[in-house]
Amino acid sequence: MVGRIAEPRVRPLAAEELRAAAGLHGRGLPHEFISRFGRRFLERYYRAFAESPHAVALGVVDPGSGRVCGVLIGAFDVRAHYAFVVRRYGPALALAAAASALRDPRLLYGLVRTRLLRYLRGVLRSLAYGKTELPEPEVRRVGLLASVVVDEGFRGSGIGRALVEDFERRAWERGLEGIELVTLPDGRGAGPFYERLGWEPAGERVSRSGERYALYVRRPGNDSSGEAVG
């Protein structure tokens, strides 16, 4: 089914839409490490963005069917957001990840080899905060656009552009100096889409498990041009 939305309306995802958003993420970004943990994990991950005071989970819903057809998650203060996630959702996310990893030996190996110690350190650091104030915001006020996914049947309707521009607006209103994102390199990712929206290539990032990603940055005042696909 191919859908069209004349004027995509972006808004924060409602609690009852997070399950559908997680399913869309898993289908749209199957290569992502977190997608391999399954829908249950992704739903909790999205809930953490939706509830964090330092992040947002945005969506576009088809007015005819009520179907979630586009989603975006991003953080305005990355350090404070992930401290919030670990404190509020750390155990639940860990259990969901463990359940998925136990069913997939390759996933379990990748988790233990590249991420387990870092995750445990994060848990210990966040637990140490107790009920005190959150850590100070990062010196560089740079946000993170974590992911954007548009349902395949609704691509080409401007949904991706609307989601990204809404997130940018929220970031600039908070006084951020820039936003970063990573995507697959060499034509496999969404680099051309972001470039049409005014994002600039800024080298690459290498994950702890060795995957290479193209890094893009967006700064206030750079107007987008051209037609975006998404």
Protein backbone atom coordinates (compact mmCIF):
# COMPACT_ATOMS: atom_id res chain seq x y z
CA MET A 1 0.00 0.00 0.00
CA VAL A 2 1.31 3.45 -0.98
CA GLY A 3 0.07 6.38 1.07
CA ARG A 4 0.27 10.12 0.64
CA ILE A 5 -0.06 12.85 3.24
CA ALA A 6 -0.53 16.32 1.80
CA GLU A 7 0.79 18.18 4.84
CA PRO A 8 2.58 15.96 7.38
CA ARG A 9 1.88 17.09 10.93
CA VAL A 10 4.66 16.33 13.38
CA ARG A 11 3.93 15.90 17.08
CA PRO A 12 5.36 14.01 20.07
CA LEU A 13 4.40 10.35 20.01
CA ALA A 14 1.64 9.33 22.42
CA ALA A 15 2.26 6.44 24.83
CA GLU A 16 -0.10 4.15 22.93
CA GLU A 17 1.83 4.80 19.68
CA LEU A 18 5.23 3.70 20.95
CA ARG A 19 4.71 0.03 20.12
CA ALA A 20 3.88 0.86 16.51
CA ALA A 21 6.86 3.24 16.38
CA ALA A 22 9.15 0.48 17.62
CA GLY A 23 7.85 -1.90 14.98
CA LEU A 24 8.43 0.70 12.27
CA HIS A 25 11.99 1.28 13.52
CA GLY A 26 12.78 -2.43 13.46
CA ARG A 27 11.48 -2.83 9.90
CA GLY A 28 13.07 0.35 8.59
CA LEU A 29 16.51 0.03 10.24
CA PRO A 30 17.14 -3.73 10.52
CA HIS A 31 20.92 -3.19 10.26
CA GLU A 32 21.06 -1.23 13.53
CA PHE A 33 22.44 -3.12 16.51
CA ILE A 34 19.51 -2.14 18.73
CA SER A 35 17.01 -3.44 16.17
CA ARG A 36 18.38 -6.92 16.72
CA PHE A 37 17.09 -6.83 20.30
CA GLY A 38 13.53 -6.95 19.04
CA ARG A 39 10.33 -5.00 19.37
CA ARG A 40 10.02 -5.26 23.15
CA PHE A 41 13.42 -3.64 23.64
CA LEU A 42 12.75 -0.98 21.01
CA GLU A 43 9.42 -0.04 22.56
CA ARG A 44 11.10 0.62 25.90
CA TYR A 45 13.90 2.48 24.15
CA TYR A 46 11.36 4.75 22.45
CA ARG A 47 9.50 5.22 25.73
CA ALA A 48 12.75 6.45 27.30
CA PHE A 49 13.10 9.13 24.62
CA ALA A 50 9.44 10.08 24.96
CA GLU A 51 9.69 10.54 28.73
CA SER A 52 13.16 12.07 28.98
CA PRO A 53 13.28 15.83 29.69
CA HIS A 54 16.43 15.92 27.55
CA ALA A 55 15.09 14.21 24.42
CA VAL A 56 12.05 13.76 22.23
CA ALA A 57 10.20 11.06 20.26
CA LEU A 58 8.33 12.59 17.33
CA GLY A 59 5.90 11.04 14.90
CA VAL A 60 3.65 11.60 11.92
CA VAL A 61 0.33 9.75 11.83
CA ASP A 62 -1.78 9.11 8.74
CA PRO A 63 -5.00 11.05 9.45
CA GLY A 64 -7.07 8.55 7.50
CA SER A 65 -5.98 5.29 9.11
CA GLY A 66 -4.33 6.49 12.33
CA ARG A 67 -1.24 4.55 11.30
CA VAL A 68 2.17 5.75 12.52
CA CYS A 69 4.00 6.36 9.26
CA GLY A 70 7.10 8.27 10.37
CA VAL A 71 9.14 8.54 13.56
CA LEU A 72 12.19 10.40 14.87
CA ILE A 73 14.07 10.14 18.15
CA GLY A 74 16.74 12.58 19.24
CA ALA A 75 18.44 14.09 22.28
CA PHE A 76 19.15 17.73 23.10
CA ASP A 77 21.62 16.94 25.91
CA VAL A 78 23.10 13.54 25.13
CA ARG A 79 24.95 12.99 28.39
CA ALA A 80 22.01 13.95 30.61
CA HIS A 81 19.57 11.96 28.46
CA TYR A 82 21.50 8.70 28.66
CA ALA A 83 22.02 9.18 32.39
CA PHE A 84 18.22 9.47 32.64
CA VAL A 85 17.73 6.37 30.46
CA VAL A 86 20.06 4.22 32.52
CA ARG A 87 18.54 5.30 35.83
CA ARG A 88 14.91 5.05 34.76
CA TYR A 89 15.02 2.20 32.26
CA GLY A 90 18.38 0.50 32.73
CA PRO A 91 17.11 -2.73 34.35
CA ALA A 92 14.15 -3.10 31.97
CA LEU A 93 16.31 -2.51 28.90
CA ALA A 94 18.96 -4.88 30.21
CA LEU A 95 16.41 -7.65 30.76
CA ALA A 96 14.88 -7.17 27.31
CA ALA A 97 18.33 -7.18 25.71
CA ALA A 98 19.40 -10.26 27.66
CA ALA A 99 16.27 -12.16 26.65
CA SER A 100 16.94 -11.43 22.97
CA ALA A 101 20.66 -12.18 23.25
CA LEU A 102 20.05 -15.56 24.86
CA ARG A 103 18.01 -16.54 21.81
CA ASP A 104 20.75 -15.40 19.41
CA PRO A 105 24.33 -16.53 20.18
CA ARG A 106 25.84 -14.08 17.67
CA LEU A 107 23.97 -11.19 19.25
CA LEU A 108 25.08 -12.32 22.72
CA TYR A 109 28.71 -12.48 21.61
CA GLY A 110 28.54 -9.01 20.08
CA LEU A 111 26.91 -7.58 23.19
CA VAL A 112 29.47 -9.05 25.58
CA ARG A 113 32.46 -8.25 23.37
CA THR A 114 31.69 -4.62 22.58
CA ARG A 115 29.11 -3.15 24.92
CA LEU A 116 28.61 -4.97 28.20
CA LEU A 117 31.40 -3.37 30.24
CA ARG A 118 30.56 0.11 28.95
CA TYR A 119 26.90 -0.41 29.83
CA LEU A 120 27.71 -1.63 33.34
CA ARG A 121 29.98 1.36 33.92
CA GLY A 122 27.14 3.62 32.87
CA VAL A 123 24.74 1.93 35.27
CA LEU A 124 27.16 2.34 38.16
CA ARG A 125 27.82 6.00 37.34
CA SER A 126 24.12 6.80 37.14
CA LEU A 127 23.25 4.92 40.31
CA ALA A 128 25.91 6.94 42.05
CA TYR A 129 23.93 10.11 41.31
CA GLY A 130 21.12 8.78 43.51
CA LYS A 131 18.54 11.50 43.99
CA THR A 132 20.94 14.34 43.39
CA GLU A 133 20.70 16.65 40.43
CA LEU A 134 21.47 15.45 36.93
CA PRO A 135 25.02 15.96 35.68
CA GLU A 136 25.89 19.34 34.24
CA PRO A 137 25.01 19.75 30.56
CA GLU A 138 27.74 19.10 28.03
CA VAL A 139 30.11 22.00 27.42
CA ARG A 140 29.43 21.72 23.68
CA ARG A 141 25.71 22.21 23.28
CA VAL A 142 25.37 19.69 20.47
CA GLY A 143 22.33 17.46 20.09
CA LEU A 144 21.97 14.04 18.54
CA LEU A 145 19.48 13.01 15.88
CA ALA A 146 19.42 9.33 16.78
CA SER A 147 17.19 7.99 14.02
CA VAL A 148 14.51 8.81 11.47
CA VAL A 149 12.29 6.16 9.90
CA VAL A 150 9.49 6.58 7.36
CA ASP A 151 7.16 3.73 6.46
CA GLU A 152 8.03 2.45 3.00
CA GLY A 153 4.49 3.04 1.76
CA PHE A 154 4.62 6.74 2.70
CA ARG A 155 8.06 7.67 1.42
CA GLY A 156 8.19 10.62 -0.93
CA SER A 157 5.48 12.50 0.97
CA GLY A 158 7.85 14.88 2.77
CA ILE A 159 7.44 13.08 6.10
CA GLY A 160 11.17 12.66 6.67
CA ARG A 161 11.83 16.32 5.92
CA ALA A 162 9.01 17.42 8.25
CA LEU A 163 10.34 15.28 11.11
CA VAL A 164 13.92 16.50 10.74
CA GLU A 165 12.94 20.16 10.44
CA ASP A 166 10.70 19.93 13.51
CA PHE A 167 13.55 18.42 15.53
CA GLU A 168 15.91 21.13 14.29
CA ARG A 169 13.44 23.83 15.33
CA ARG A 170 13.21 22.37 18.84
CA ALA A 171 17.01 22.19 19.05
CA TRP A 172 17.50 25.82 18.02
CA GLU A 173 14.80 26.96 20.45
CA ARG A 174 16.83 25.32 23.21
CA GLY A 175 19.92 27.23 22.15
CA LEU A 176 21.91 24.31 20.77
CA GLU A 177 25.02 25.10 18.72
CA GLY A 178 24.54 22.16 16.40
CA ILE A 179 23.18 18.65 15.89
CA GLU A 180 25.02 15.50 14.84
CA LEU A 181 23.91 12.21 13.32
CA VAL A 182 25.50 9.13 11.80
CA THR A 183 24.32 7.05 8.87
CA LEU A 184 25.72 4.21 6.80
CA PRO A 185 28.38 5.41 4.33
CA ASP A 186 28.97 4.88 0.61
CA GLY A 187 25.43 5.28 -0.61
CA ARG A 188 24.04 2.67 1.77
CA GLY A 189 22.68 5.24 4.19
CA ALA A 190 20.65 8.43 4.04
CA GLY A 191 23.54 10.84 3.49
CA PRO A 192 22.14 12.40 0.28
CA PHE A 193 18.79 12.98 2.00
CA TYR A 194 20.42 14.88 4.86
CA GLU A 195 22.64 16.87 2.50
CA ARG A 196 19.53 18.10 0.69
CA LEU A 197 18.26 19.34 4.05
CA GLY A 198 21.41 21.37 4.69
CA TRP A 199 23.44 18.87 6.74
CA GLU A 200 27.18 18.81 6.13
CA PRO A 201 29.50 15.76 5.97
CA ALA A 202 31.96 15.80 8.87
CA GLY A 203 34.08 12.69 8.54
CA GLU A 204 33.24 9.35 10.06
CA ARG A 205 32.64 7.57 13.33
CA VAL A 206 33.63 4.00 14.16
CA SER A 207 31.50 2.04 16.61
CA ARG A 208 32.96 -0.13 19.36
CA SER A 209 32.13 -3.19 17.29
CA GLY A 210 34.03 -1.82 14.29
CA GLU A 211 31.25 -0.53 12.03
CA ARG A 212 32.05 2.67 10.14
CA TYR A 213 29.44 5.41 9.86
CA ALA A 214 29.35 8.72 8.02
CA LEU A 215 29.05 11.68 10.41
CA TYR A 216 26.86 14.68 9.53
CA VAL A 217 26.41 17.98 11.34
CA ARG A 218 23.75 20.69 11.19
CA ARG A 219 24.20 24.23 12.44
CA PRO A 220 21.60 26.95 12.93
CA GLY A 221 21.23 29.36 10.06
CA ASN A 222 22.02 26.89 7.25
CA ASP A 223 18.85 26.91 5.16
CA SER A 224 17.93 23.67 3.43
CA SER A 225 17.45 23.55 -0.32
CA GLY A 226 16.19 21.09 -2.87
CA GLU A 227 13.61 18.37 -2.53
CA ALA A 228 14.12 15.71 0.11
CA VAL A 229 13.03 12.12 -0.25
CA GLY A 230 11.27 10.72 2.79
